[in-house]
PDB file of all heavy atoms in Angstrom:
ATOM      1  N   ILE A   1      -7.803   8.599   5.495  1.00  0.00           N
ATOM      2  CA  ILE A   1      -7.962   7.420   4.639  1.00  0.00           C
ATOM      3  C   ILE A   1      -8.248   6.190   5.534  1.00  0.00           C
ATOM      4  O   ILE A   1      -7.512   5.890   6.453  1.00  0.00           O
ATOM      5  CB  ILE A   1      -6.734   7.147   3.771  1.00  0.00           C
ATOM      6  CG1 ILE A   1      -6.521   8.293   2.798  1.00  0.00           C
ATOM      7  CG2 ILE A   1      -6.865   5.837   3.011  1.00  0.00           C
ATOM      8  CD1 ILE A   1      -5.225   8.211   1.995  1.00  0.00           C
ATOM      9  N   ASN A   2      -9.359   5.522   5.254  1.00  0.00           N
ATOM     10  CA  ASN A   2      -9.676   4.316   6.031  1.00  0.00           C
ATOM     11  C   ASN A   2      -9.719   3.063   5.174  1.00  0.00           C
ATOM     12  O   ASN A   2      -9.958   1.950   5.691  1.00  0.00           O
ATOM     13  CB  ASN A   2     -11.019   4.489   6.766  1.00  0.00           C
ATOM     14  CG  ASN A   2     -12.159   4.891   5.838  1.00  0.00           C
ATOM     15  OD1 ASN A   2     -12.351   4.263   4.807  1.00  0.00           O
ATOM     16  ND2 ASN A   2     -12.911   5.929   6.206  1.00  0.00           N
ATOM     17  N   GLU A   3      -9.465   3.170   3.871  1.00  0.00           N
ATOM     18  CA  GLU A   3      -9.442   1.995   3.007  1.00  0.00           C
ATOM     19  C   GLU A   3      -8.454   2.203   1.852  1.00  0.00           C
ATOM     20  O   GLU A   3      -8.511   3.221   1.157  1.00  0.00           O
ATOM     21  CB  GLU A   3     -10.826   1.697   2.413  1.00  0.00           C
ATOM     22  CG  GLU A   3     -10.868   0.480   1.529  1.00  0.00           C
ATOM     23  CD  GLU A   3     -12.257   0.204   1.004  1.00  0.00           C
ATOM     24  OE1 GLU A   3     -13.251   0.617   1.640  1.00  0.00           O
ATOM     25  OE2 GLU A   3     -12.360  -0.468  -0.038  1.00  0.00           O
ATOM     26  N   ILE A   4      -7.562   1.241   1.679  1.00  0.00           N
ATOM     27  CA  ILE A   4      -6.645   1.211   0.568  1.00  0.00           C
ATOM     28  C   ILE A   4      -6.860  -0.121  -0.143  1.00  0.00           C
ATOM     29  O   ILE A   4      -6.752  -1.189   0.460  1.00  0.00           O
ATOM     30  CB  ILE A   4      -5.182   1.357   0.989  1.00  0.00           C
ATOM     31  CG1 ILE A   4      -4.974   2.717   1.675  1.00  0.00           C
ATOM     32  CG2 ILE A   4      -4.249   1.242  -0.199  1.00  0.00           C
ATOM     33  CD1 ILE A   4      -3.545   2.894   2.212  1.00  0.00           C
ATOM     34  N   GLY A   5      -7.205  -0.081  -1.419  1.00  0.00           N
ATOM     35  CA  GLY A   5      -7.638  -1.251  -2.137  1.00  0.00           C
ATOM     36  C   GLY A   5      -6.489  -2.211  -2.504  1.00  0.00           C
ATOM     37  O   GLY A   5      -5.298  -1.907  -2.355  1.00  0.00           O
ATOM     38  N   GLU A   6      -6.878  -3.376  -3.008  1.00  0.00           N
ATOM     39  CA  GLU A   6      -5.901  -4.359  -3.466  1.00  0.00           C
ATOM     40  C   GLU A   6      -5.066  -3.816  -4.597  1.00  0.00           C
ATOM     41  O   GLU A   6      -5.549  -3.086  -5.474  1.00  0.00           O
ATOM     42  CB  GLU A   6      -6.644  -5.640  -3.933  1.00  0.00           C
ATOM     43  CG  GLU A   6      -7.336  -6.370  -2.809  1.00  0.00           C
ATOM     44  CD  GLU A   6      -7.860  -7.734  -3.274  1.00  0.00           C
ATOM     45  OE1 GLU A   6      -7.558  -8.156  -4.410  1.00  0.00           O
ATOM     46  OE2 GLU A   6      -8.559  -8.391  -2.476  1.00  0.00           O
ATOM     47  N   SER A   7      -3.771  -4.124  -4.552  1.00  0.00           N
ATOM     48  CA  SER A   7      -2.834  -3.747  -5.607  1.00  0.00           C
ATOM     49  C   SER A   7      -2.745  -2.232  -5.818  1.00  0.00           C
ATOM     50  O   SER A   7      -2.330  -1.790  -6.856  1.00  0.00           O
ATOM     51  CB  SER A   7      -3.188  -4.430  -6.930  1.00  0.00           C
ATOM     52  OG  SER A   7      -3.210  -5.837  -6.816  1.00  0.00           O
ATOM     53  N   ALA A   8      -3.123  -1.467  -4.819  1.00  0.00           N
ATOM     54  CA  ALA A   8      -3.218   0.004  -4.958  1.00  0.00           C
ATOM     55  C   ALA A   8      -1.853   0.599  -5.358  1.00  0.00           C
ATOM     56  O   ALA A   8      -1.813   1.543  -6.148  1.00  0.00           O
ATOM     57  CB  ALA A   8      -3.726   0.635  -3.674  1.00  0.00           C
ATOM     58  N   PHE A   9      -0.780   0.070  -4.814  1.00  0.00           N
ATOM     59  CA  PHE A   9       0.564   0.587  -5.121  1.00  0.00           C
ATOM     60  C   PHE A   9       1.470  -0.500  -5.752  1.00  0.00           C
ATOM     61  O   PHE A   9       2.674  -0.407  -5.709  1.00  0.00           O
ATOM     62  CB  PHE A   9       1.217   1.151  -3.872  1.00  0.00           C
ATOM     63  CG  PHE A   9       0.521   2.351  -3.324  1.00  0.00           C
ATOM     64  CD1 PHE A   9      -0.426   2.217  -2.276  1.00  0.00           C
ATOM     65  CD2 PHE A   9       0.756   3.632  -3.803  1.00  0.00           C
ATOM     66  CE1 PHE A   9      -1.108   3.335  -1.788  1.00  0.00           C
ATOM     67  CE2 PHE A   9       0.090   4.727  -3.298  1.00  0.00           C
ATOM     68  CZ  PHE A   9      -0.851   4.591  -2.302  1.00  0.00           C
ATOM     69  N   LYS A  10       0.869  -1.476  -6.332  1.00  0.00           N
ATOM     70  CA  LYS A  10       1.633  -2.589  -6.918  1.00  0.00           C
ATOM     71  C   LYS A  10       2.552  -2.095  -8.031  1.00  0.00           C
ATOM     72  O   LYS A  10       2.136  -1.300  -8.886  1.00  0.00           O
ATOM     73  CB  LYS A  10       0.675  -3.640  -7.473  1.00  0.00           C
ATOM     74  CG  LYS A  10       1.314  -4.931  -7.893  1.00  0.00           C
ATOM     75  CD  LYS A  10       0.269  -5.982  -8.226  1.00  0.00           C
ATOM     76  CE  LYS A  10       0.911  -7.318  -8.571  1.00  0.00           C
ATOM     77  NZ  LYS A  10      -0.112  -8.365  -8.825  1.00  0.00           N
ATOM     78  N   PHE A  11       3.796  -2.537  -7.983  1.00  0.00           N
ATOM     79  CA  PHE A  11       4.813  -2.168  -8.947  1.00  0.00           C
ATOM     80  C   PHE A  11       5.110  -0.676  -8.996  1.00  0.00           C
ATOM     81  O   PHE A  11       5.526  -0.137 -10.030  1.00  0.00           O
ATOM     82  CB  PHE A  11       4.452  -2.683 -10.361  1.00  0.00           C
ATOM     83  CG  PHE A  11       4.415  -4.173 -10.463  1.00  0.00           C
ATOM     84  CD1 PHE A  11       3.332  -4.812 -11.032  1.00  0.00           C
ATOM     85  CD2 PHE A  11       5.480  -4.962 -10.004  1.00  0.00           C
ATOM     86  CE1 PHE A  11       3.274  -6.186 -11.146  1.00  0.00           C
ATOM     87  CE2 PHE A  11       5.421  -6.332 -10.090  1.00  0.00           C
ATOM     88  CZ  PHE A  11       4.335  -6.962 -10.674  1.00  0.00           C
ATOM     89  N   CYS A  12       4.917   0.006  -7.856  1.00  0.00           N
ATOM     90  CA  CYS A  12       5.397   1.389  -7.741  1.00  0.00           C
ATOM     91  C   CYS A  12       6.880   1.287  -7.336  1.00  0.00           C
ATOM     92  O   CYS A  12       7.223   1.345  -6.141  1.00  0.00           O
ATOM     93  CB  CYS A  12       4.591   2.156  -6.713  1.00  0.00           C
ATOM     94  SG  CYS A  12       2.914   2.556  -7.262  1.00  0.00           S
ATOM     95  N   ARG A  13       7.724   1.107  -8.298  1.00  0.00           N
ATOM     96  CA  ARG A  13       9.096   0.681  -8.070  1.00  0.00           C
ATOM     97  C   ARG A  13      10.031   1.742  -7.514  1.00  0.00           C
ATOM     98  O   ARG A  13      11.173   1.439  -7.177  1.00  0.00           O
ATOM     99  CB  ARG A  13       9.667   0.112  -9.367  1.00  0.00           C
ATOM    100  CG  ARG A  13       8.943  -1.176  -9.850  1.00  0.00           C
ATOM    101  CD  ARG A  13       9.606  -1.696 -11.108  1.00  0.00           C
ATOM    102  NE  ARG A  13       9.041  -2.998 -11.513  1.00  0.00           N
ATOM    103  CZ  ARG A  13       8.013  -3.117 -12.382  1.00  0.00           C
ATOM    104  NH1 ARG A  13       7.444  -2.031 -12.907  1.00  0.00           N
ATOM    105  NH2 ARG A  13       7.537  -4.297 -12.692  1.00  0.00           N
ATOM    106  N   ALA A  14       9.589   3.004  -7.449  1.00  0.00           N
ATOM    107  CA  ALA A  14      10.469   4.067  -6.965  1.00  0.00           C
ATOM    108  C   ALA A  14      10.179   4.498  -5.545  1.00  0.00           C
ATOM    109  O   ALA A  14      10.990   5.202  -4.942  1.00  0.00           O
ATOM    110  CB  ALA A  14      10.404   5.254  -7.924  1.00  0.00           C
ATOM    111  N   ILE A  15       9.030   4.131  -4.992  1.00  0.00           N
ATOM    112  CA  ILE A  15       8.666   4.541  -3.637  1.00  0.00           C
ATOM    113  C   ILE A  15       9.632   3.947  -2.622  1.00  0.00           C
ATOM    114  O   ILE A  15       9.910   2.767  -2.621  1.00  0.00           O
ATOM    115  CB  ILE A  15       7.229   4.107  -3.295  1.00  0.00           C
ATOM    116  CG1 ILE A  15       6.240   4.952  -4.083  1.00  0.00           C
ATOM    117  CG2 ILE A  15       6.954   4.244  -1.812  1.00  0.00           C
ATOM    118  CD1 ILE A  15       4.774   4.625  -3.803  1.00  0.00           C
ATOM    119  N   LYS A  16      10.168   4.837  -1.760  1.00  0.00           N
ATOM    120  CA  LYS A  16      11.158   4.415  -0.784  1.00  0.00           C
ATOM    121  C   LYS A  16      10.611   4.225   0.628  1.00  0.00           C
ATOM    122  O   LYS A  16      11.162   3.474   1.419  1.00  0.00           O
ATOM    123  CB  LYS A  16      12.351   5.394  -0.780  1.00  0.00           C
ATOM    124  CG  LYS A  16      13.143   5.371  -2.090  1.00  0.00           C
ATOM    125  CD  LYS A  16      14.380   6.230  -1.999  1.00  0.00           C
ATOM    126  CE  LYS A  16      15.198   6.137  -3.263  1.00  0.00           C
ATOM    127  NZ  LYS A  16      16.443   6.955  -3.194  1.00  0.00           N
ATOM    128  N   SER A  17       9.578   4.997   0.971  1.00  0.00           N
ATOM    129  CA  SER A  17       9.024   4.868   2.304  1.00  0.00           C
ATOM    130  C   SER A  17       7.545   5.179   2.308  1.00  0.00           C
ATOM    131  O   SER A  17       7.059   5.969   1.477  1.00  0.00           O
ATOM    132  CB  SER A  17       9.760   5.783   3.310  1.00  0.00           C
ATOM    133  OG  SER A  17       9.535   7.137   2.998  1.00  0.00           O
ATOM    134  N   ILE A  18       6.830   4.552   3.213  1.00  0.00           N
ATOM    135  CA  ILE A  18       5.389   4.763   3.338  1.00  0.00           C
ATOM    136  C   ILE A  18       5.033   4.817   4.835  1.00  0.00           C
ATOM    137  O   ILE A  18       5.501   4.015   5.623  1.00  0.00           O
ATOM    138  CB  ILE A  18       4.581   3.614   2.682  1.00  0.00           C
ATOM    139  CG1 ILE A  18       4.706   3.649   1.166  1.00  0.00           C
ATOM    140  CG2 ILE A  18       3.140   3.637   3.117  1.00  0.00           C
ATOM    141  CD1 ILE A  18       3.786   4.660   0.503  1.00  0.00           C
ATOM    142  N   ILE A  19       4.207   5.802   5.182  1.00  0.00           N
ATOM    143  CA  ILE A  19       3.600   5.837   6.505  1.00  0.00           C
ATOM    144  C   ILE A  19       2.096   5.657   6.290  1.00  0.00           C
ATOM    145  O   ILE A  19       1.448   6.487   5.676  1.00  0.00           O
ATOM    146  CB  ILE A  19       3.878   7.184   7.232  1.00  0.00           C
ATOM    147  CG1 ILE A  19       5.386   7.352   7.448  1.00  0.00           C
ATOM    148  CG2 ILE A  19       3.167   7.204   8.582  1.00  0.00           C
ATOM    149  CD1 ILE A  19       5.764   8.705   8.050  1.00  0.00           C
ATOM    150  N   LEU A  20       1.575   4.563   6.805  1.00  0.00           N
ATOM    151  CA  LEU A  20       0.172   4.277   6.570  1.00  0.00           C
ATOM    152  C   LEU A  20      -0.718   5.114   7.483  1.00  0.00           C
ATOM    153  O   LEU A  20      -0.347   5.440   8.617  1.00  0.00           O
ATOM    154  CB  LEU A  20      -0.112   2.766   6.819  1.00  0.00           C
ATOM    155  CG  LEU A  20       0.478   1.832   5.778  1.00  0.00           C
ATOM    156  CD1 LEU A  20       0.246   0.386   6.205  1.00  0.00           C
ATOM    157  CD2 LEU A  20      -0.126   2.055   4.417  1.00  0.00           C
ATOM    158  N   PRO A  21      -1.925   5.478   7.013  1.00  0.00           N
ATOM    159  CA  PRO A  21      -2.855   6.266   7.825  1.00  0.00           C
ATOM    160  C   PRO A  21      -3.238   5.534   9.119  1.00  0.00           C
ATOM    161  O   PRO A  21      -3.277   4.301   9.174  1.00  0.00           O
ATOM    162  CB  PRO A  21      -4.069   6.440   6.901  1.00  0.00           C
ATOM    163  CG  PRO A  21      -3.523   6.238   5.514  1.00  0.00           C
ATOM    164  CD  PRO A  21      -2.436   5.230   5.658  1.00  0.00           C
ATOM    165  N   GLN A  22      -3.591   6.295  10.126  1.00  0.00           N
ATOM    166  CA  GLN A  22      -3.855   5.774  11.438  1.00  0.00           C
ATOM    167  C   GLN A  22      -5.121   4.970  11.575  1.00  0.00           C
ATOM    168  O   GLN A  22      -5.332   4.271  12.553  1.00  0.00           O
ATOM    169  CB  GLN A  22      -3.845   6.900  12.491  1.00  0.00           C
ATOM    170  CG  GLN A  22      -2.505   7.573  12.657  1.00  0.00           C
ATOM    171  CD  GLN A  22      -1.424   6.596  13.087  1.00  0.00           C
ATOM    172  OE1 GLN A  22      -1.578   5.871  14.062  1.00  0.00           O
ATOM    173  NE2 GLN A  22      -0.305   6.587  12.342  1.00  0.00           N
ATOM    174  N   ASN A  23      -6.018   5.084  10.573  1.00  0.00           N
ATOM    175  CA  ASN A  23      -7.319   4.389  10.676  1.00  0.00           C
ATOM    176  C   ASN A  23      -7.381   3.124   9.845  1.00  0.00           C
ATOM    177  O   ASN A  23      -8.425   2.451   9.816  1.00  0.00           O
ATOM    178  CB  ASN A  23      -8.449   5.319  10.246  1.00  0.00           C
ATOM    179  CG  ASN A  23      -8.606   6.505  11.164  1.00  0.00           C
ATOM    180  OD1 ASN A  23      -8.524   6.349  12.385  1.00  0.00           O
ATOM    181  ND2 ASN A  23      -8.817   7.688  10.606  1.00  0.00           N
ATOM    182  N   ILE A  24      -6.309   2.761   9.154  1.00  0.00           N
ATOM    183  CA  ILE A  24      -6.325   1.566   8.307  1.00  0.00           C
ATOM    184  C   ILE A  24      -6.380   0.309   9.159  1.00  0.00           C
ATOM    185  O   ILE A  24      -5.633   0.156  10.111  1.00  0.00           O
ATOM    186  CB  ILE A  24      -5.068   1.538   7.416  1.00  0.00           C
ATOM    187  CG1 ILE A  24      -5.145   2.632   6.350  1.00  0.00           C
ATOM    188  CG2 ILE A  24      -4.890   0.167   6.765  1.00  0.00           C
ATOM    189  CD1 ILE A  24      -6.179   2.378   5.307  1.00  0.00           C
ATOM    190  N   GLU A  25      -7.312  -0.588   8.843  1.00  0.00           N
ATOM    191  CA  GLU A  25      -7.443  -1.862   9.554  1.00  0.00           C
ATOM    192  C   GLU A  25      -6.945  -3.032   8.747  1.00  0.00           C
ATOM    193  O   GLU A  25      -6.515  -4.059   9.272  1.00  0.00           O
ATOM    194  CB  GLU A  25      -8.906  -2.103   9.964  1.00  0.00           C
ATOM    195  CG  GLU A  25      -9.395  -1.089  10.983  1.00  0.00           C
ATOM    196  CD  GLU A  25     -10.811  -1.437  11.476  1.00  0.00           C
ATOM    197  OE1 GLU A  25     -11.413  -2.413  10.989  1.00  0.00           O
ATOM    198  OE2 GLU A  25     -11.273  -0.722  12.368  1.00  0.00           O
ATOM    199  N   ILE A  26      -7.001  -2.904   7.384  1.00  0.00           N
ATOM    200  CA  ILE A  26      -6.604  -4.030   6.525  1.00  0.00           C
ATOM    201  C   ILE A  26      -5.617  -3.533   5.477  1.00  0.00           C
ATOM    202  O   ILE A  26      -5.913  -2.567   4.749  1.00  0.00           O
ATOM    203  CB  ILE A  26      -7.823  -4.666   5.821  1.00  0.00           C
ATOM    204  CG1 ILE A  26      -8.815  -5.198   6.850  1.00  0.00           C
ATOM    205  CG2 ILE A  26      -7.391  -5.798   4.896  1.00  0.00           C
ATOM    206  CD1 ILE A  26     -10.110  -5.698   6.242  1.00  0.00           C
ATOM    207  N   ILE A  27      -4.450  -4.176   5.400  1.00  0.00           N
ATOM    208  CA  ILE A  27      -3.551  -3.981   4.274  1.00  0.00           C
ATOM    209  C   ILE A  27      -3.904  -5.113   3.319  1.00  0.00           C
ATOM    210  O   ILE A  27      -3.639  -6.266   3.573  1.00  0.00           O
ATOM    211  CB  ILE A  27      -2.102  -4.065   4.708  1.00  0.00           C
ATOM    212  CG1 ILE A  27      -1.778  -2.967   5.755  1.00  0.00           C
ATOM    213  CG2 ILE A  27      -1.177  -3.893   3.504  1.00  0.00           C
ATOM    214  CD1 ILE A  27      -0.395  -3.096   6.374  1.00  0.00           C
ATOM    215  N   LYS A  28      -4.525  -4.768   2.211  1.00  0.00           N
ATOM    216  CA  LYS A  28      -5.149  -5.787   1.371  1.00  0.00           C
ATOM    217  C   LYS A  28      -4.155  -6.523   0.489  1.00  0.00           C
ATOM    218  O   LYS A  28      -2.963  -6.158   0.412  1.00  0.00           O
ATOM    219  CB  LYS A  28      -6.237  -5.138   0.529  1.00  0.00           C
ATOM    220  CG  LYS A  28      -7.401  -4.593   1.381  1.00  0.00           C
ATOM    221  CD  LYS A  28      -8.561  -4.140   0.508  1.00  0.00           C
ATOM    222  CE  LYS A  28      -9.734  -3.654   1.386  1.00  0.00           C
ATOM    223  NZ  LYS A  28     -10.883  -3.221   0.573  1.00  0.00           N
ATOM    224  N   ASN A  29      -4.624  -7.568  -0.177  1.00  0.00           N
ATOM    225  CA  ASN A  29      -3.773  -8.380  -1.035  1.00  0.00           C
ATOM    226  C   ASN A  29      -3.038  -7.538  -2.061  1.00  0.00           C
ATOM    227  O   ASN A  29      -3.599  -6.650  -2.701  1.00  0.00           O
ATOM    228  CB  ASN A  29      -4.621  -9.410  -1.788  1.00  0.00           C
ATOM    229  CG  ASN A  29      -5.347 -10.378  -0.891  1.00  0.00           C
ATOM    230  OD1 ASN A  29      -5.112 -10.415   0.313  1.00  0.00           O
ATOM    231  ND2 ASN A  29      -6.224 -11.189  -1.454  1.00  0.00           N
ATOM    232  N   ASP A  30      -1.736  -7.827  -2.179  1.00  0.00           N
ATOM    233  CA  ASP A  30      -0.876  -7.229  -3.230  1.00  0.00           C
ATOM    234  C   ASP A  30      -0.727  -5.719  -3.121  1.00  0.00           C
ATOM    235  O   ASP A  30      -0.251  -5.094  -4.087  1.00  0.00           O
ATOM    236  CB  ASP A  30      -1.448  -7.543  -4.623  1.00  0.00           C
ATOM    237  CG  ASP A  30      -1.397  -9.014  -4.973  1.00  0.00           C
ATOM    238  OD1 ASP A  30      -0.294  -9.549  -5.109  1.00  0.00           O
ATOM    239  OD2 ASP A  30      -2.460  -9.616  -5.117  1.00  0.00           O
ATOM    240  N   THR A  31      -1.089  -5.107  -2.012  1.00  0.00           N
ATOM    241  CA  THR A  31      -1.069  -3.646  -1.937  1.00  0.00           C
ATOM    242  C   THR A  31       0.270  -3.052  -2.329  1.00  0.00           C
ATOM    243  O   THR A  31       0.307  -2.083  -3.091  1.00  0.00           O
ATOM    244  CB  THR A  31      -1.441  -3.173  -0.494  1.00  0.00           C
ATOM    245  OG1 THR A  31      -2.734  -3.640  -0.172  1.00  0.00           O
ATOM    246  CG2 THR A  31      -1.439  -1.658  -0.422  1.00  0.00           C
ATOM    247  N   PHE A  32       1.345  -3.584  -1.807  1.00  0.00           N
ATOM    248  CA  PHE A  32       2.706  -3.049  -2.116  1.00  0.00           C
ATOM    249  C   PHE A  32       3.563  -4.051  -2.881  1.00  0.00           C
ATOM    250  O   PHE A  32       4.790  -3.933  -2.887  1.00  0.00           O
ATOM    251  CB  PHE A  32       3.380  -2.607  -0.833  1.00  0.00           C
ATOM    252  CG  PHE A  32       2.654  -1.531  -0.102  1.00  0.00           C
ATOM    253  CD1 PHE A  32       1.875  -1.823   1.017  1.00  0.00           C
ATOM    254  CD2 PHE A  32       2.685  -0.210  -0.533  1.00  0.00           C
ATOM    255  CE1 PHE A  32       1.190  -0.829   1.685  1.00  0.00           C
ATOM    256  CE2 PHE A  32       2.003   0.798   0.153  1.00  0.00           C
ATOM    257  CZ  PHE A  32       1.241   0.478   1.271  1.00  0.00           C
ATOM    258  N   PHE A  33       2.936  -5.029  -3.518  1.00  0.00           N
ATOM    259  CA  PHE A  33       3.678  -6.032  -4.254  1.00  0.00           C
ATOM    260  C   PHE A  33       4.625  -5.383  -5.274  1.00  0.00           C
ATOM    261  O   PHE A  33       4.225  -4.544  -6.060  1.00  0.00           O
ATOM    262  CB  PHE A  33       2.662  -6.956  -4.976  1.00  0.00           C
ATOM    263  CG  PHE A  33       3.263  -8.124  -5.682  1.00  0.00           C
ATOM    264  CD1 PHE A  33       3.209  -9.400  -5.131  1.00  0.00           C
ATOM    265  CD2 PHE A  33       3.898  -7.977  -6.927  1.00  0.00           C
ATOM    266  CE1 PHE A  33       3.763 -10.483  -5.781  1.00  0.00           C
ATOM    267  CE2 PHE A  33       4.452  -9.050  -7.584  1.00  0.00           C
ATOM    268  CZ  PHE A  33       4.376 -10.318  -7.026  1.00  0.00           C
ATOM    269  N   GLY A  34       5.875  -5.805  -5.252  1.00  0.00           N
ATOM    270  CA  GLY A  34       6.823  -5.365  -6.264  1.00  0.00           C
ATOM    271  C   GLY A  34       7.302  -3.931  -6.093  1.00  0.00           C
ATOM    272  O   GLY A  34       7.849  -3.372  -7.055  1.00  0.00           O
ATOM    273  N   CYS A  35       7.109  -3.356  -4.940  1.00  0.00           N
ATOM    274  CA  CYS A  35       7.659  -2.012  -4.640  1.00  0.00           C
ATOM    275  C   CYS A  35       9.144  -2.223  -4.299  1.00  0.00           C
ATOM    276  O   CYS A  35       9.542  -2.190  -3.117  1.00  0.00           O
ATOM    277  CB  CYS A  35       6.919  -1.309  -3.544  1.00  0.00           C
ATOM    278  SG  CYS A  35       5.222  -0.876  -3.963  1.00  0.00           S
ATOM    279  N   SER A  36       9.962  -2.402  -5.303  1.00  0.00           N
ATOM    280  CA  SER A  36      11.291  -2.878  -5.100  1.00  0.00           C
ATOM    281  C   SER A  36      12.273  -1.889  -4.464  1.00  0.00           C
ATOM    282  O   SER A  36      13.326  -2.283  -3.981  1.00  0.00           O
ATOM    283  CB  SER A  36      11.872  -3.355  -6.454  1.00  0.00           C
ATOM    284  OG  SER A  36      11.806  -2.335  -7.417  1.00  0.00           O
TER     285      SER A  36
END
C-alpha cells in the first residue's frame, strides 16, 4: 500500500493498534480521527 486516503479510518472506534505500510509518505487529513 502506497496511499491511504483522507478519513480512511475515521471513527473506527475499536481499532487498538496500527502498523503503517513501509511505503507510505503521507498520513492524510483525518485518517485516524476519532479512533478512540
